Amino acid sequence: MNEPTMSVFFYDKTFEGLLSAVFDAYCHKIFPEKLLKTGEPVPMFIDTSHTVMTESGHSKRVWNALLNKSGDNVCNMLVYVWLSEMNGSDELLFRYICKTFDSTKKNKYNFGDSDVLEVNKIAHKVAHEALYIKQFVRFQKTADNIFFAPIRPLYNALPLTIKHFADRFADQQWIIFDMRRKYGYYYDLHAANEITFIHDDKITSGKMDESIMAKDEKLFQDLWKGYFNSMTIKERINPRLHRKNMPSRFWRELTEKN
C-alpha cells in the first residue's frame, strides 16, 4: 500500500500567480497541500515541490473557465477573498477553485462545504469594508486644488471603491491613500491610477500639514466640526451603537473626530 504524498507549490503571491498555480496543478496532476512564496524554505516531510511560473496566458484560461462555469458574482467574490490578505486565503481560494472545476453542480451555494462557507464569509467582510470606505472617506483640500483622503482599512478594499469615487467626484482631482499598505489612487479628471509616496511625512503621516493645505481648508474643517457638534443630541448619545455604525479604527482620519 502506497503512503500518501505531500506536495507544495511555490509562487510569487500574486493573484495571477495563484491562477497559474491552478493551471499547473491540472496540467501536472499535482494538487498541493501548501502554497508558499517563491524563495521560502521547503517544509519538512514534503515529497514533491513545484515552482509556478506566472503566465498571463495560463491565468486568463483559468479565469475565463471560472467565468464560464460560475459567473461574475462568484469571480468577484474570489477577488474579494484575495483582497482580504488573510493568512491562508490563497490556499482557501485554490481549494475552492479546484472544487468548482471538479463539481458537476454549482459550488456557490454548497454551504455544507466548509471552504464554500468560509469564502462567502470573508467576501462579505471585505465587501462591508469597501462600504465603510465609501462612507467614512474625508477629503482635505491641498494648496494645488487636489483633494486628499487618508484611510486605514482592515482589508485591502480600496480598489473596490475607486469606480464609485471616480463617478461621484468626476469633476475634481483627488487622491485616496491607504496608510496601512502605503499606496493609493490619484484621479486626474480622466482616470484613476495607482500611486505611492516615498518618505513624504506631510502626506504619509495621515495628518495633512497646514503648510500644504488650501487657504480655506482649515475654515471648512472647523465649519464641519461645528455642524457635527450642533447636530448631536447629547441625551441620545449611545457609544456602543456609535462604534457599531462607525468603527473606531476609522476615527483617526475623520475630521469630526479630530
Protein backbone atom coordinates (compact mmCIF):
# COMPACT_ATOMS: atom_id res chain seq x y z
CA MET A 1 0.00 0.00 0.00
CA ASN A 2 1.43 3.35 -1.09
CA GLU A 3 1.76 6.05 1.54
CA PRO A 4 0.09 9.39 0.72
CA THR A 5 2.47 12.03 -0.63
CA MET A 6 2.65 15.66 0.47
CA SER A 7 3.32 18.40 -2.05
CA VAL A 8 3.92 22.15 -2.04
CA PHE A 9 3.79 24.81 -4.75
CA PHE A 10 5.96 27.93 -4.69
CA TYR A 11 4.61 31.02 -6.45
CA ASP A 12 5.00 34.80 -6.46
CA LYS A 13 1.99 35.51 -4.19
CA THR A 14 0.07 37.41 -6.87
CA PHE A 15 -3.49 36.67 -7.94
CA GLU A 16 -2.27 35.85 -11.46
CA GLY A 17 0.30 33.57 -9.89
CA LEU A 18 -2.42 31.77 -7.93
CA LEU A 19 -4.44 31.18 -11.11
CA SER A 20 -1.26 29.94 -12.81
CA ALA A 21 -0.81 27.52 -9.90
CA VAL A 22 -4.29 26.12 -10.57
CA PHE A 23 -3.35 25.69 -14.23
CA ASP A 24 -0.14 23.84 -13.30
CA ALA A 25 -1.99 21.63 -10.82
CA TYR A 26 -4.32 20.28 -13.51
CA CYS A 27 -1.55 20.16 -16.09
CA HIS A 28 0.80 18.10 -13.89
CA LYS A 29 -1.94 16.30 -11.92
CA ILE A 30 -0.42 17.54 -8.66
CA PHE A 31 -2.65 19.25 -6.10
CA PRO A 32 -0.53 20.79 -3.31
CA GLU A 33 -1.34 20.87 0.37
CA LYS A 34 0.65 24.11 0.80
CA LEU A 35 1.19 27.26 -1.25
CA LEU A 36 4.33 29.18 -0.32
CA LYS A 37 6.11 32.25 -1.63
CA THR A 38 8.97 31.61 -4.02
CA GLY A 39 12.21 31.52 -2.05
CA GLU A 40 10.73 30.26 1.22
CA PRO A 41 12.36 27.10 2.67
CA VAL A 42 10.82 23.75 1.81
CA PRO A 43 8.89 22.38 4.82
CA MET A 44 9.78 19.02 6.36
CA PHE A 45 8.01 15.84 5.24
CA ILE A 46 7.28 17.22 1.76
CA ASP A 47 7.70 14.69 -1.05
CA THR A 48 7.01 16.92 -4.05
CA SER A 49 7.65 20.61 -4.69
CA HIS A 50 6.98 22.68 -7.78
CA THR A 51 7.75 26.31 -8.63
CA VAL A 52 4.97 28.04 -10.54
CA MET A 53 5.91 30.45 -13.30
CA THR A 54 3.25 33.14 -13.54
CA GLU A 55 1.94 33.10 -17.12
CA SER A 56 -0.72 35.59 -18.22
CA GLY A 57 -2.00 33.09 -20.79
CA HIS A 58 -2.44 30.38 -18.15
CA SER A 59 -4.10 32.70 -15.63
CA LYS A 60 -6.50 34.04 -18.27
CA ARG A 61 -7.51 30.50 -19.28
CA VAL A 62 -8.31 29.62 -15.67
CA TRP A 63 -10.17 32.90 -15.09
CA ASN A 64 -12.25 32.56 -18.26
CA ALA A 65 -13.11 28.98 -17.33
CA LEU A 66 -14.27 30.20 -13.91
CA LEU A 67 -16.38 32.92 -15.51
CA ASN A 68 -17.99 30.43 -17.86
CA LYS A 69 -18.75 27.93 -15.13
CA SER A 70 -19.64 30.19 -12.17
CA GLY A 71 -20.40 33.67 -13.49
CA ASP A 72 -19.40 37.18 -12.49
CA ASN A 73 -20.75 37.07 -8.92
CA VAL A 74 -18.60 34.11 -7.87
CA CYS A 75 -15.49 35.51 -9.57
CA ASN A 76 -15.99 38.86 -7.85
CA MET A 77 -16.32 37.03 -4.55
CA LEU A 78 -12.97 35.29 -5.15
CA VAL A 79 -11.30 38.65 -5.80
CA TYR A 80 -12.77 39.95 -2.52
CA VAL A 81 -11.27 36.99 -0.64
CA TRP A 82 -7.87 37.65 -2.23
CA LEU A 83 -8.06 41.31 -1.17
CA SER A 84 -8.72 40.22 2.42
CA GLU A 85 -4.98 39.36 2.69
CA MET A 86 -5.90 36.88 5.44
CA ASN A 87 -3.45 34.12 6.27
CA GLY A 88 -4.24 31.03 4.24
CA SER A 89 -6.70 32.81 1.95
CA ASP A 90 -4.72 31.76 -1.13
CA GLU A 91 -4.91 28.08 -0.14
CA LEU A 92 -8.63 28.52 0.57
CA LEU A 93 -9.13 30.02 -2.90
CA PHE A 94 -7.07 27.26 -4.50
CA ARG A 95 -9.26 24.57 -2.95
CA TYR A 96 -12.45 26.47 -3.81
CA ILE A 97 -11.45 26.88 -7.46
CA CYS A 98 -10.50 23.22 -7.80
CA LYS A 99 -13.80 22.14 -6.23
CA THR A 100 -15.64 24.40 -8.67
CA PHE A 101 -13.95 22.77 -11.65
CA ASP A 102 -14.34 19.23 -10.30
CA SER A 103 -18.02 19.54 -9.41
CA THR A 104 -20.84 18.95 -11.87
CA LYS A 105 -23.06 21.23 -9.78
CA LYS A 106 -22.77 24.89 -8.83
CA ASN A 107 -20.45 25.22 -5.85
CA LYS A 108 -21.60 28.68 -4.74
CA TYR A 109 -24.48 27.55 -2.51
CA ASN A 110 -22.95 24.35 -1.15
CA PHE A 111 -22.73 25.71 2.40
CA GLY A 112 -22.22 22.21 3.75
CA ASP A 113 -18.66 22.57 2.46
CA SER A 114 -16.51 24.48 4.95
CA ASP A 115 -14.43 26.10 2.18
CA VAL A 116 -17.53 27.42 0.40
CA LEU A 117 -18.86 28.79 3.67
CA GLU A 118 -15.55 30.45 4.54
CA VAL A 119 -15.20 32.07 1.10
CA ASN A 120 -18.67 33.59 1.44
CA LYS A 121 -17.96 34.85 4.97
CA ILE A 122 -14.65 36.51 4.06
CA ALA A 123 -16.06 38.04 0.87
CA HIS A 124 -18.90 39.56 2.89
CA LYS A 125 -16.42 41.11 5.35
CA VAL A 126 -14.37 42.69 2.56
CA ALA A 127 -17.49 43.99 0.83
CA HIS A 128 -18.57 45.58 4.11
CA GLU A 129 -15.14 47.18 4.48
CA ALA A 130 -15.49 48.70 0.99
CA LEU A 131 -18.83 50.17 2.08
CA TYR A 132 -17.17 51.67 5.16
CA ILE A 133 -14.53 53.32 2.97
CA LYS A 134 -17.25 54.94 0.85
CA GLN A 135 -18.97 56.20 4.00
CA PHE A 136 -16.00 57.43 6.01
CA VAL A 137 -13.61 58.98 3.49
CA ARG A 138 -12.92 62.61 4.41
CA PHE A 139 -11.15 64.73 1.80
CA GLN A 140 -8.80 67.60 2.64
CA LYS A 141 -8.08 70.23 0.00
CA THR A 142 -4.44 70.96 -0.79
CA ALA A 143 -2.96 74.25 -1.98
CA ASP A 144 -2.81 72.91 -5.56
CA ASN A 145 -6.53 72.03 -5.56
CA ILE A 146 -6.13 68.28 -5.12
CA PHE A 147 -8.41 66.64 -2.56
CA PHE A 148 -6.54 64.16 -0.36
CA ALA A 149 -8.07 61.46 1.85
CA PRO A 150 -6.07 59.06 4.07
CA ILE A 151 -7.66 55.74 5.09
CA ARG A 152 -6.60 52.70 7.13
CA PRO A 153 -8.96 49.87 6.14
CA LEU A 154 -8.69 46.49 7.81
CA TYR A 155 -8.74 44.74 4.43
CA ASN A 156 -7.28 45.84 1.10
CA ALA A 157 -10.70 47.04 -0.11
CA LEU A 158 -9.67 50.37 -1.65
CA PRO A 159 -9.61 49.04 -5.26
CA LEU A 160 -13.27 48.04 -4.88
CA THR A 161 -14.29 51.67 -4.26
CA ILE A 162 -12.40 53.54 -6.97
CA LYS A 163 -15.17 53.42 -9.58
CA HIS A 164 -17.58 54.87 -7.01
CA PHE A 165 -15.32 57.83 -6.25
CA ALA A 166 -14.46 58.41 -9.92
CA ASP A 167 -18.19 58.64 -10.69
CA ARG A 168 -19.07 60.63 -7.59
CA PHE A 169 -16.22 63.17 -7.84
CA ALA A 170 -15.58 63.19 -11.58
CA ASP A 171 -15.00 66.96 -11.69
CA GLN A 172 -12.28 67.03 -9.01
CA GLN A 173 -8.70 65.83 -8.76
CA TRP A 174 -8.32 63.58 -5.75
CA ILE A 175 -6.05 61.11 -4.02
CA ILE A 176 -7.22 58.35 -1.68
CA PHE A 177 -4.26 56.83 0.14
CA ASP A 178 -4.16 53.59 2.13
CA MET A 179 -1.92 54.34 5.09
CA ARG A 180 -1.58 50.68 6.10
CA ARG A 181 -0.37 49.49 2.70
CA LYS A 182 1.38 52.68 1.58
CA TYR A 183 -0.33 53.03 -1.78
CA GLY A 184 -3.31 54.89 -3.19
CA TYR A 185 -5.10 56.14 -6.30
CA TYR A 186 -4.83 59.52 -7.99
CA TYR A 187 -7.74 60.71 -10.14
CA ASP A 188 -6.68 63.34 -12.70
CA LEU A 189 -10.18 64.12 -14.09
CA HIS A 190 -9.78 61.35 -16.69
CA ALA A 191 -8.68 58.15 -14.95
CA ALA A 192 -7.64 56.83 -11.54
CA ASN A 193 -4.12 55.40 -11.40
CA GLU A 194 -2.31 53.64 -8.60
CA ILE A 195 0.41 55.69 -6.89
CA THR A 196 2.85 55.52 -3.96
CA PHE A 197 4.64 58.19 -1.91
CA ILE A 198 8.21 57.84 -0.71
CA HIS A 199 9.18 59.42 2.63
CA ASP A 200 6.77 62.36 2.43
CA ASP A 201 5.77 62.89 6.06
CA LYS A 202 3.49 65.79 5.13
CA ILE A 203 1.29 63.22 3.37
CA THR A 204 2.06 59.73 4.68
CA SER A 205 1.51 60.63 8.34
CA GLY A 206 -2.22 60.85 7.60
CA LYS A 207 -2.42 64.35 9.08
CA MET A 208 -2.00 66.91 6.33
CA ASP A 209 0.48 69.63 7.21
CA GLU A 210 -1.19 73.04 7.23
CA SER A 211 1.62 74.32 5.01
CA ILE A 212 0.22 72.37 2.06
CA MET A 213 -3.47 72.95 2.83
CA ALA A 214 -5.65 75.22 0.72
CA LYS A 215 -6.23 78.60 2.40
CA ASP A 216 -9.87 77.85 3.19
CA GLU A 217 -9.43 74.17 4.14
CA LYS A 218 -8.99 74.82 7.88
CA LEU A 219 -12.11 77.00 7.84
CA PHE A 220 -14.18 74.28 6.20
CA GLN A 221 -12.90 71.71 8.69
CA ASP A 222 -13.93 73.94 11.58
CA LEU A 223 -17.35 74.50 9.99
CA TRP A 224 -17.84 70.76 9.56
CA LYS A 225 -16.89 70.12 13.20
CA GLY A 226 -19.32 72.82 14.30
CA TYR A 227 -22.11 71.30 12.22
CA PHE A 228 -21.36 67.85 13.61
CA ASN A 229 -21.46 69.13 17.21
CA SER A 230 -24.62 71.17 16.70
CA MET A 231 -26.47 68.14 15.30
CA THR A 232 -25.54 65.95 18.26
CA ILE A 233 -28.35 65.31 20.76
CA LYS A 234 -26.45 64.64 23.97
CA GLU A 235 -29.40 62.86 25.61
CA ARG A 236 -29.40 60.28 22.81
CA ILE A 237 -25.68 59.52 22.73
CA ASN A 238 -25.18 55.75 22.54
CA PRO A 239 -21.43 54.93 22.44
CA ARG A 240 -21.98 51.22 21.78
CA LEU A 241 -24.25 51.85 18.78
CA HIS A 242 -21.95 54.63 17.62
CA ARG A 243 -18.96 52.28 17.48
CA LYS A 244 -21.02 49.64 15.70
CA ASN A 245 -22.10 52.03 12.94
CA MET A 246 -18.79 53.92 12.82
CA PRO A 247 -15.92 51.58 13.82
CA SER A 248 -13.29 53.34 15.92
CA ARG A 249 -10.49 52.29 13.56
CA PHE A 250 -11.75 54.98 11.14
CA TRP A 251 -11.87 57.78 13.70
CA ARG A 252 -8.23 58.83 13.32
CA GLU A 253 -8.92 60.13 9.79
CA LEU A 254 -12.36 61.62 10.43
CA THR A 255 -12.39 65.42 10.53
CA GLU A 256 -15.25 65.49 13.05
CA LYS A 257 -13.31 63.20 15.42
CA ASN A 258 -10.07 65.18 15.49
